[in-house]
C-alpha atoms as a PDB file:
ATOM      1  CA  MET A   1       5.801 -16.336 -16.028  1.00  0.00           C
ATOM      2  CA  ALA A   2       5.055 -17.254 -12.469  1.00  0.00           C
ATOM      3  CA  ARG A   3       2.995 -14.788 -10.474  1.00  0.00           C
ATOM      4  CA  LYS A   4       4.842 -13.438  -7.288  1.00  0.00           C
ATOM      5  CA  GLU A   5       3.078 -12.592  -4.156  1.00  0.00           C
ATOM      6  CA  ILE A   6       3.870 -10.407  -1.184  1.00  0.00           C
ATOM      7  CA  ASP A   7       1.782 -10.537   2.030  1.00  0.00           C
ATOM      8  CA  VAL A   8       2.577  -8.161   4.785  1.00  0.00           C
ATOM      9  CA  ARG A   9       0.433  -7.815   7.922  1.00  0.00           C
ATOM     10  CA  VAL A  10       0.733  -5.294  10.732  1.00  0.00           C
ATOM     11  CA  HIS A  11      -1.545  -4.155  13.557  1.00  0.00           C
ATOM     12  CA  THR A  12      -2.295  -0.772  14.753  1.00  0.00           C
ATOM     13  CA  THR A  13      -4.439   0.373  17.763  1.00  0.00           C
ATOM     14  CA  ALA A  14      -6.158   2.931  15.544  1.00  0.00           C
ATOM     15  CA  GLY A  15      -9.583   2.027  14.122  1.00  0.00           C
ATOM     16  CA  PRO A  16     -10.287   1.143  10.523  1.00  0.00           C
ATOM     17  CA  ALA A  17     -11.735   4.581   9.653  1.00  0.00           C
ATOM     18  CA  VAL A  18      -8.467   6.294  10.688  1.00  0.00           C
ATOM     19  CA  VAL A  19      -6.330   3.909   8.615  1.00  0.00           C
ATOM     20  CA  TYR A  20      -8.636   3.979   5.656  1.00  0.00           C
ATOM     21  CA  ALA A  21      -8.591   7.884   5.619  1.00  0.00           C
ATOM     22  CA  LEU A  22      -4.769   7.873   5.484  1.00  0.00           C
ATOM     23  CA  LEU A  23      -4.697   5.369   2.672  1.00  0.00           C
ATOM     24  CA  VAL A  24      -7.119   7.374   0.418  1.00  0.00           C
ATOM     25  CA  ASP A  25      -5.052  10.574   1.011  1.00  0.00           C
ATOM     26  CA  GLY A  26      -2.092  10.163  -1.396  1.00  0.00           C
ATOM     27  CA  ALA A  27      -0.716  13.533  -0.465  1.00  0.00           C
ATOM     28  CA  GLY A  28      -0.133  12.264   2.997  1.00  0.00           C
ATOM     29  CA  TRP A  29       1.744   9.074   1.959  1.00  0.00           C
ATOM     30  CA  PRO A  30       5.217  10.783   1.994  1.00  0.00           C
ATOM     31  CA  THR A  31       4.542  11.793   5.673  1.00  0.00           C
ATOM     32  CA  TRP A  32       4.340   8.273   6.916  1.00  0.00           C
ATOM     33  CA  SER A  33       6.145   6.144   4.224  1.00  0.00           C
ATOM     34  CA  PRO A  34       9.461   6.036   2.453  1.00  0.00           C
ATOM     35  CA  LEU A  35       7.762   7.607  -0.598  1.00  0.00           C
ATOM     36  CA  GLY A  36       9.335  11.055  -1.631  1.00  0.00           C
ATOM     37  CA  SER A  37       6.448  12.906  -3.190  1.00  0.00           C
ATOM     38  CA  PHE A  38       2.921  12.580  -4.418  1.00  0.00           C
ATOM     39  CA  GLU A  39       1.009  14.010  -7.470  1.00  0.00           C
ATOM     40  CA  LEU A  40      -2.582  13.438  -8.492  1.00  0.00           C
ATOM     41  CA  GLU A  41      -2.341  12.969 -12.273  1.00  0.00           C
ATOM     42  CA  ARG A  42      -5.958  12.427 -12.941  1.00  0.00           C
ATOM     43  CA  PRO A  43      -8.914  12.546 -10.437  1.00  0.00           C
ATOM     44  CA  GLY A  44     -11.248   9.585 -10.014  1.00  0.00           C
ATOM     45  CA  ALA A  45     -14.852   9.508 -11.397  1.00  0.00           C
ATOM     46  CA  ASP A  46     -16.632  10.408  -8.169  1.00  0.00           C
ATOM     47  CA  GLU A  47     -13.960  12.036  -6.011  1.00  0.00           C
ATOM     48  CA  PRO A  48     -10.361  13.233  -6.541  1.00  0.00           C
ATOM     49  CA  GLU A  49      -8.728   9.986  -5.200  1.00  0.00           C
ATOM     50  CA  GLY A  50     -11.718   7.694  -6.048  1.00  0.00           C
ATOM     51  CA  VAL A  51     -11.810   4.694  -8.455  1.00  0.00           C
ATOM     52  CA  GLY A  52     -10.072   5.574 -11.638  1.00  0.00           C
ATOM     53  CA  ALA A  53      -7.828   8.257 -10.070  1.00  0.00           C
ATOM     54  CA  ILE A  54      -4.162   8.068 -11.232  1.00  0.00           C
ATOM     55  CA  ARG A  55      -1.645   8.744  -8.419  1.00  0.00           C
ATOM     56  CA  VAL A  56       2.067   9.330  -9.062  1.00  0.00           C
ATOM     57  CA  PHE A  57       4.657   8.709  -6.416  1.00  0.00           C
ATOM     58  CA  ARG A  58       8.305   9.586  -6.710  1.00  0.00           C
ATOM     59  CA  THR A  59      11.067   8.099  -4.577  1.00  0.00           C
ATOM     60  CA  GLY A  60      14.666   8.883  -5.574  1.00  0.00           C
ATOM     61  CA  ARG A  61      14.892   8.028  -9.315  1.00  0.00           C
ATOM     62  CA  VAL A  62      11.767   5.880  -9.362  1.00  0.00           C
ATOM     63  CA  THR A  63       8.458   7.338 -10.388  1.00  0.00           C
ATOM     64  CA  SER A  64       5.486   5.044 -10.175  1.00  0.00           C
ATOM     65  CA  ARG A  65       2.090   5.624 -11.632  1.00  0.00           C
ATOM     66  CA  GLU A  66      -0.886   3.788  -9.963  1.00  0.00           C
ATOM     67  CA  ARG A  67      -4.555   3.637 -10.686  1.00  0.00           C
ATOM     68  CA  VAL A  68      -7.014   3.330  -7.807  1.00  0.00           C
ATOM     69  CA  VAL A  69      -9.259   0.341  -8.768  1.00  0.00           C
ATOM     70  CA  GLU A  70     -11.283  -0.318  -5.651  1.00  0.00           C
ATOM     71  CA  ARG A  71     -12.313   1.419  -2.450  1.00  0.00           C
ATOM     72  CA  VAL A  72     -14.516   0.004   0.196  1.00  0.00           C
ATOM     73  CA  PRO A  73     -14.872   2.509   3.022  1.00  0.00           C
ATOM     74  CA  ASP A  74     -13.034   1.415   6.237  1.00  0.00           C
ATOM     75  CA  ARG A  75     -12.363  -2.110   4.689  1.00  0.00           C
ATOM     76  CA  ARG A  76     -10.263  -2.077   1.410  1.00  0.00           C
ATOM     77  CA  PHE A  77      -8.123   0.103  -0.803  1.00  0.00           C
ATOM     78  CA  SER A  78      -6.720  -1.379  -3.947  1.00  0.00           C
ATOM     79  CA  TYR A  79      -4.449   0.027  -6.802  1.00  0.00           C
ATOM     80  CA  GLU A  80      -2.722  -1.320  -9.891  1.00  0.00           C
ATOM     81  CA  LEU A  81       0.715  -0.172 -11.061  1.00  0.00           C
ATOM     82  CA  LEU A  82       0.534   1.491 -14.489  1.00  0.00           C
ATOM     83  CA  SER A  83       4.261   2.288 -14.890  1.00  0.00           C
ATOM     84  CA  GLY A  84       7.458   2.771 -12.990  1.00  0.00           C
ATOM     85  CA  LEU A  85       8.756  -0.827 -12.494  1.00  0.00           C
ATOM     86  CA  PRO A  86       9.352  -3.671 -15.023  1.00  0.00           C
ATOM     87  CA  LEU A  87       6.480  -5.580 -13.732  1.00  0.00           C
ATOM     88  CA  ARG A  88       3.168  -6.914 -15.249  1.00  0.00           C
ATOM     89  CA  ASP A  89      -0.232  -7.044 -13.725  1.00  0.00           C
ATOM     90  CA  TYR A  90       0.835  -5.512 -10.337  1.00  0.00           C
ATOM     91  CA  ARG A  91      -2.139  -5.200  -8.007  1.00  0.00           C
ATOM     92  CA  ALA A  92      -2.118  -4.409  -4.347  1.00  0.00           C
ATOM     93  CA  ASP A  93      -5.047  -4.808  -1.981  1.00  0.00           C
ATOM     94  CA  VAL A  94      -4.878  -3.306   1.411  1.00  0.00           C
ATOM     95  CA  ASP A  95      -7.534  -4.939   3.564  1.00  0.00           C
ATOM     96  CA  LEU A  96      -8.480  -3.521   7.062  1.00  0.00           C
ATOM     97  CA  THR A  97     -10.005  -5.770   9.683  1.00  0.00           C
ATOM     98  CA  PRO A  98     -11.124  -4.680  13.141  1.00  0.00           C
ATOM     99  CA  GLU A  99      -9.092  -6.680  15.541  1.00  0.00           C
ATOM    100  CA  ARG A 100      -7.799  -6.531  19.211  1.00  0.00           C
ATOM    101  CA  GLY A 101      -9.268  -2.976  19.685  1.00  0.00           C
ATOM    102  CA  GLY A 102      -7.603  -1.667  16.636  1.00  0.00           C
ATOM    103  CA  THR A 103      -7.010  -2.704  13.034  1.00  0.00           C
ATOM    104  CA  SER A 104      -5.268  -5.567  11.361  1.00  0.00           C
ATOM    105  CA  ILE A 105      -3.742  -4.208   8.055  1.00  0.00           C
ATOM    106  CA  ARG A 106      -2.996  -6.730   5.284  1.00  0.00           C
ATOM    107  CA  TRP A 107      -1.107  -5.465   2.336  1.00  0.00           C
ATOM    108  CA  HIS A 108      -1.343  -8.146  -0.314  1.00  0.00           C
ATOM    109  CA  SER A 109       0.415  -7.676  -3.760  1.00  0.00           C
ATOM    110  CA  THR A 110       0.580  -9.963  -6.758  1.00  0.00           C
ATOM    111  CA  PHE A 111       2.636  -9.340  -9.951  1.00  0.00           C
ATOM    112  CA  SER A 112       4.733 -11.017 -12.715  1.00  0.00           C
ATOM    113  CA  ALA A 113       8.184  -9.731 -13.680  1.00  0.00           C
ATOM    114  CA  ARG A 114       8.696  -8.540 -17.262  1.00  0.00           C
ATOM    115  CA  VAL A 115      12.207  -9.864 -17.274  1.00  0.00           C
ATOM    116  CA  PRO A 116      12.458 -13.534 -16.814  1.00  0.00           C
ATOM    117  CA  GLY A 117      14.149 -14.638 -13.716  1.00  0.00           C
ATOM    118  CA  THR A 118      13.907 -11.310 -11.846  1.00  0.00           C
ATOM    119  CA  GLY A 119      10.641 -11.954 -10.066  1.00  0.00           C
ATOM    120  CA  TRP A 120      12.309 -13.169  -6.828  1.00  0.00           C
ATOM    121  CA  LEU A 121      14.441  -9.942  -6.678  1.00  0.00           C
ATOM    122  CA  TYR A 122      11.434  -7.754  -7.045  1.00  0.00           C
ATOM    123  CA  ARG A 123       9.526  -9.759  -4.537  1.00  0.00           C
ATOM    124  CA  LEU A 124      12.351  -9.386  -2.058  1.00  0.00           C
ATOM    125  CA  ALA A 125      12.761  -5.583  -2.670  1.00  0.00           C
ATOM    126  CA  LEU A 126       9.106  -4.821  -2.874  1.00  0.00           C
ATOM    127  CA  GLY A 127       8.453  -7.012   0.187  1.00  0.00           C
ATOM    128  CA  ARG A 128      10.923  -4.831   2.224  1.00  0.00           C
ATOM    129  CA  PHE A 129       9.523  -1.681   0.841  1.00  0.00           C
ATOM    130  CA  ILE A 130       5.824  -2.655   1.463  1.00  0.00           C
ATOM    131  CA  GLY A 131       6.781  -3.682   4.928  1.00  0.00           C
ATOM    132  CA  LYS A 132       8.182  -0.121   5.677  1.00  0.00           C
ATOM    133  CA  VAL A 133       5.061   1.358   4.126  1.00  0.00           C
ATOM    134  CA  ALA A 134       2.719  -0.843   6.173  1.00  0.00           C
ATOM    135  CA  ALA A 135       4.607  -0.222   9.386  1.00  0.00           C
ATOM    136  CA  GLY A 136       4.646   3.567   8.768  1.00  0.00           C
ATOM    137  CA  LEU A 137       0.959   3.483   8.104  1.00  0.00           C
ATOM    138  CA  ALA A 138       0.288   1.533  11.397  1.00  0.00           C
ATOM    139  CA  THR A 139       2.364   3.829  13.465  1.00  0.00           C
ATOM    140  CA  HIS A 140       1.032   7.058  11.964  1.00  0.00           C
ATOM    141  CA  ALA A 141      -2.539   5.821  12.247  1.00  0.00           C
ATOM    142  CA  ALA A 142      -1.977   5.136  15.985  1.00  0.00           C
ATOM    143  CA  ALA A 143      -0.452   8.498  16.422  1.00  0.00           C
ATOM    144  CA  THR A 144      -3.159  10.171  14.568  1.00  0.00           C
ATOM    145  CA  ALA A 145      -5.691   8.344  16.756  1.00  0.00           C
ATOM    146  CA  GLY A 146      -3.782   9.300  19.853  1.00  0.00           C
ATOM    147  CA  ARG A 147      -2.512   5.916  20.708  1.00  0.00           C
ATOM    148  CA  SER A 148       0.620   3.877  19.869  1.00  0.00           C
ATOM    149  CA  ALA A 149       1.021   0.965  17.485  1.00  0.00           C
ATOM    150  CA  ASP A 150       1.567  -2.412  18.917  1.00  0.00           C
ATOM    151  CA  GLY A 151       2.967  -5.676  17.682  1.00  0.00           C
ATOM    152  CA  PRO A 152       5.837  -6.450  15.455  1.00  0.00           C
ATOM    153  CA  LEU A 153       5.794  -6.398  11.609  1.00  0.00           C
ATOM    154  CA  ARG A 154       4.847  -9.976  10.655  1.00  0.00           C
ATOM    155  CA  ARG A 155       5.578 -11.542   7.319  1.00  0.00           C
ATOM    156  CA  HIS A 156       3.597 -14.300   5.960  1.00  0.00           C
ATOM    157  CA  PRO A 157       4.210 -17.148   3.385  1.00  0.00           C
ATOM    158  CA  GLY A 158       4.481 -16.024  -0.147  1.00  0.00           C
ATOM    159  CA  GLN A 159       7.209 -13.464   0.503  1.00  0.00           C
END
Protein backbone atom coordinates (compact mmCIF):
# COMPACT_ATOMS: atom_id res chain seq x y z
CA MET A 1 0.00 0.00 0.00
CA ALA A 2 1.15 3.50 -0.75
CA ARG A 3 2.53 5.57 2.10
CA LYS A 4 0.62 8.75 2.79
CA GLU A 5 2.22 11.92 4.04
CA ILE A 6 0.97 14.96 5.92
CA ASP A 7 3.17 18.04 6.25
CA VAL A 8 1.88 20.99 8.27
CA ARG A 9 3.96 24.05 9.10
CA VAL A 10 3.14 26.93 11.39
CA HIS A 11 5.15 29.69 13.03
CA THR A 12 5.01 31.00 16.56
CA THR A 13 6.76 33.92 18.18
CA ALA A 14 7.62 31.67 21.14
CA GLY A 15 11.08 30.16 21.35
CA PRO A 16 11.76 26.45 20.75
CA ALA A 17 12.12 25.71 24.49
CA VAL A 18 8.57 26.94 25.17
CA VAL A 19 7.11 24.92 22.28
CA TYR A 20 9.05 21.80 23.23
CA ALA A 21 7.88 22.03 26.86
CA LEU A 22 4.26 22.02 25.65
CA LEU A 23 4.85 19.03 23.35
CA VAL A 24 6.36 16.82 26.05
CA ASP A 25 3.53 17.56 28.51
CA GLY A 26 0.72 15.32 27.28
CA ALA A 27 -1.60 16.43 30.08
CA GLY A 28 -1.55 19.93 28.59
CA TRP A 29 -2.49 18.92 25.03
CA PRO A 30 -6.28 19.06 25.69
CA THR A 31 -5.78 22.71 26.74
CA TRP A 32 -4.45 23.86 23.36
CA SER A 33 -5.66 21.18 20.91
CA PRO A 34 -8.96 19.52 19.91
CA LEU A 35 -8.01 16.46 22.00
CA GLY A 36 -10.49 15.73 24.79
CA SER A 37 -8.39 14.04 27.46
CA PHE A 38 -4.98 12.58 28.25
CA GLU A 39 -3.78 9.60 30.25
CA LEU A 40 -0.24 8.34 30.76
CA GLU A 41 -0.59 4.56 30.39
CA ARG A 42 3.09 3.78 30.83
CA PRO A 43 5.99 6.05 31.75
CA GLY A 44 9.13 6.26 29.68
CA ALA A 45 12.46 4.75 30.65
CA ASP A 46 14.11 7.89 31.99
CA GLU A 47 11.20 10.24 32.68
CA PRO A 48 7.41 10.01 32.75
CA GLU A 49 6.84 11.14 29.14
CA GLY A 50 10.26 10.16 27.83
CA VAL A 51 11.11 7.68 25.11
CA GLY A 52 8.99 4.55 25.49
CA ALA A 53 6.12 6.30 27.26
CA ILE A 54 2.65 5.34 26.11
CA ARG A 55 0.23 8.25 26.00
CA VAL A 56 -3.52 7.83 25.55
CA PHE A 57 -5.66 10.61 24.08
CA ARG A 58 -9.45 10.55 23.81
CA THR A 59 -11.53 12.72 21.52
CA GLY A 60 -15.20 11.89 21.27
CA ARG A 61 -15.41 8.17 20.47
CA VAL A 62 -11.78 7.86 19.34
CA THR A 63 -9.11 6.66 21.75
CA SER A 64 -5.57 6.73 20.39
CA ARG A 65 -2.55 5.15 22.02
CA GLU A 66 0.81 6.59 21.08
CA ARG A 67 4.37 5.70 22.03
CA VAL A 68 7.01 8.39 22.35
CA VAL A 69 9.91 7.28 20.13
CA GLU A 70 12.25 10.27 19.98
CA ARG A 71 12.94 13.38 22.02
CA VAL A 72 15.61 15.94 21.19
CA PRO A 73 15.25 18.87 23.60
CA ASP A 74 14.03 22.04 21.89
CA ARG A 75 14.39 20.41 18.43
CA ARG A 76 12.20 17.31 17.91
CA PHE A 77 9.40 15.28 19.43
CA SER A 78 8.30 12.04 17.70
CA TYR A 79 5.65 9.44 18.36
CA GLU A 80 4.10 6.35 16.77
CA LEU A 81 0.45 5.37 16.80
CA LEU A 82 -0.10 2.03 18.52
CA SER A 83 -3.90 1.83 18.21
CA GLY A 84 -7.04 3.84 17.69
CA LEU A 85 -7.17 4.34 13.92
CA PRO A 86 -7.06 1.79 11.09
CA LEU A 87 -3.56 2.83 10.06
CA ARG A 88 -0.21 1.06 9.76
CA ASP A 89 3.19 2.44 10.60
CA TYR A 90 1.94 5.88 11.62
CA ARG A 91 4.79 8.10 12.77
CA ALA A 92 4.78 11.82 13.46
CA ASP A 93 7.87 13.99 13.81
CA VAL A 94 7.41 17.49 15.19
CA ASP A 95 10.49 19.50 14.30
CA LEU A 96 11.23 22.88 15.87
CA THR A 97 13.52 25.35 14.11
CA PRO A 98 14.45 28.80 15.43
CA GLU A 99 13.21 31.25 12.82
CA ARG A 100 12.17 34.92 12.53
CA GLY A 101 12.51 35.57 16.24
CA GLY A 102 10.39 32.55 17.14
CA THR A 103 9.96 28.96 16.07
CA SER A 104 8.96 27.20 12.88
CA ILE A 105 6.92 24.11 13.77
CA ARG A 106 6.83 21.31 11.20
CA TRP A 107 4.43 18.46 11.98
CA HIS A 108 5.25 15.69 9.54
CA SER A 109 3.36 12.38 9.56
CA THR A 110 3.55 9.26 7.43
CA PHE A 111 1.33 6.17 7.43
CA SER A 112 -0.39 3.50 5.38
CA ALA A 113 -4.09 2.74 5.57
CA ARG A 114 -5.08 -0.76 6.66
CA VAL A 115 -8.11 -0.71 4.37
CA PRO A 116 -7.17 -0.32 0.71
CA GLY A 117 -8.49 2.84 -0.90
CA THR A 118 -9.01 4.77 2.35
CA GLY A 119 -5.59 6.39 2.67
CA TRP A 120 -6.68 9.60 0.91
CA LEU A 121 -9.58 9.98 3.35
CA TYR A 122 -7.34 9.59 6.40
CA ARG A 123 -4.78 11.95 4.90
CA LEU A 124 -7.49 14.57 4.42
CA ALA A 125 -9.08 14.15 7.87
CA LEU A 126 -5.80 13.83 9.75
CA GLY A 127 -4.33 16.75 7.80
CA ARG A 128 -7.14 18.97 9.03
CA PHE A 129 -6.87 17.64 12.57
CA ILE A 130 -3.09 18.05 12.71
CA GLY A 131 -3.49 21.54 11.27
CA LYS A 132 -5.73 22.42 14.23
CA VAL A 133 -3.33 20.81 16.69
CA ALA A 134 -0.31 22.65 15.24
CA ALA A 135 -2.15 25.99 15.13
CA GLY A 136 -3.28 25.51 18.73
CA LEU A 137 0.27 24.70 19.78
CA ALA A 138 1.63 27.81 18.05
CA THR A 139 -1.00 30.10 19.58
CA HIS A 140 -0.69 28.64 23.08
CA ALA A 141 3.11 28.74 22.96
CA ALA A 142 3.00 32.41 22.00
CA ALA A 143 0.53 33.18 24.79
CA THR A 144 2.67 31.22 27.24
CA ALA A 145 5.69 33.22 26.16
CA GLY A 146 3.69 36.46 26.46
CA ARG A 147 3.56 37.20 22.74
CA SER A 148 1.11 36.48 19.93
CA ALA A 149 1.46 33.92 17.15
CA ASP A 150 1.98 35.22 13.65
CA GLY A 151 1.57 33.94 10.15
CA PRO A 152 -1.16 31.80 8.66
CA LEU A 153 -1.26 28.04 8.76
CA ARG A 154 0.66 26.88 5.71
CA ARG A 155 0.08 23.50 4.12
CA HIS A 156 2.76 21.93 1.99
CA PRO A 157 2.86 19.30 -0.75
CA GLY A 158 2.02 15.79 0.32
CA GLN A 159 -1.25 16.71 1.98
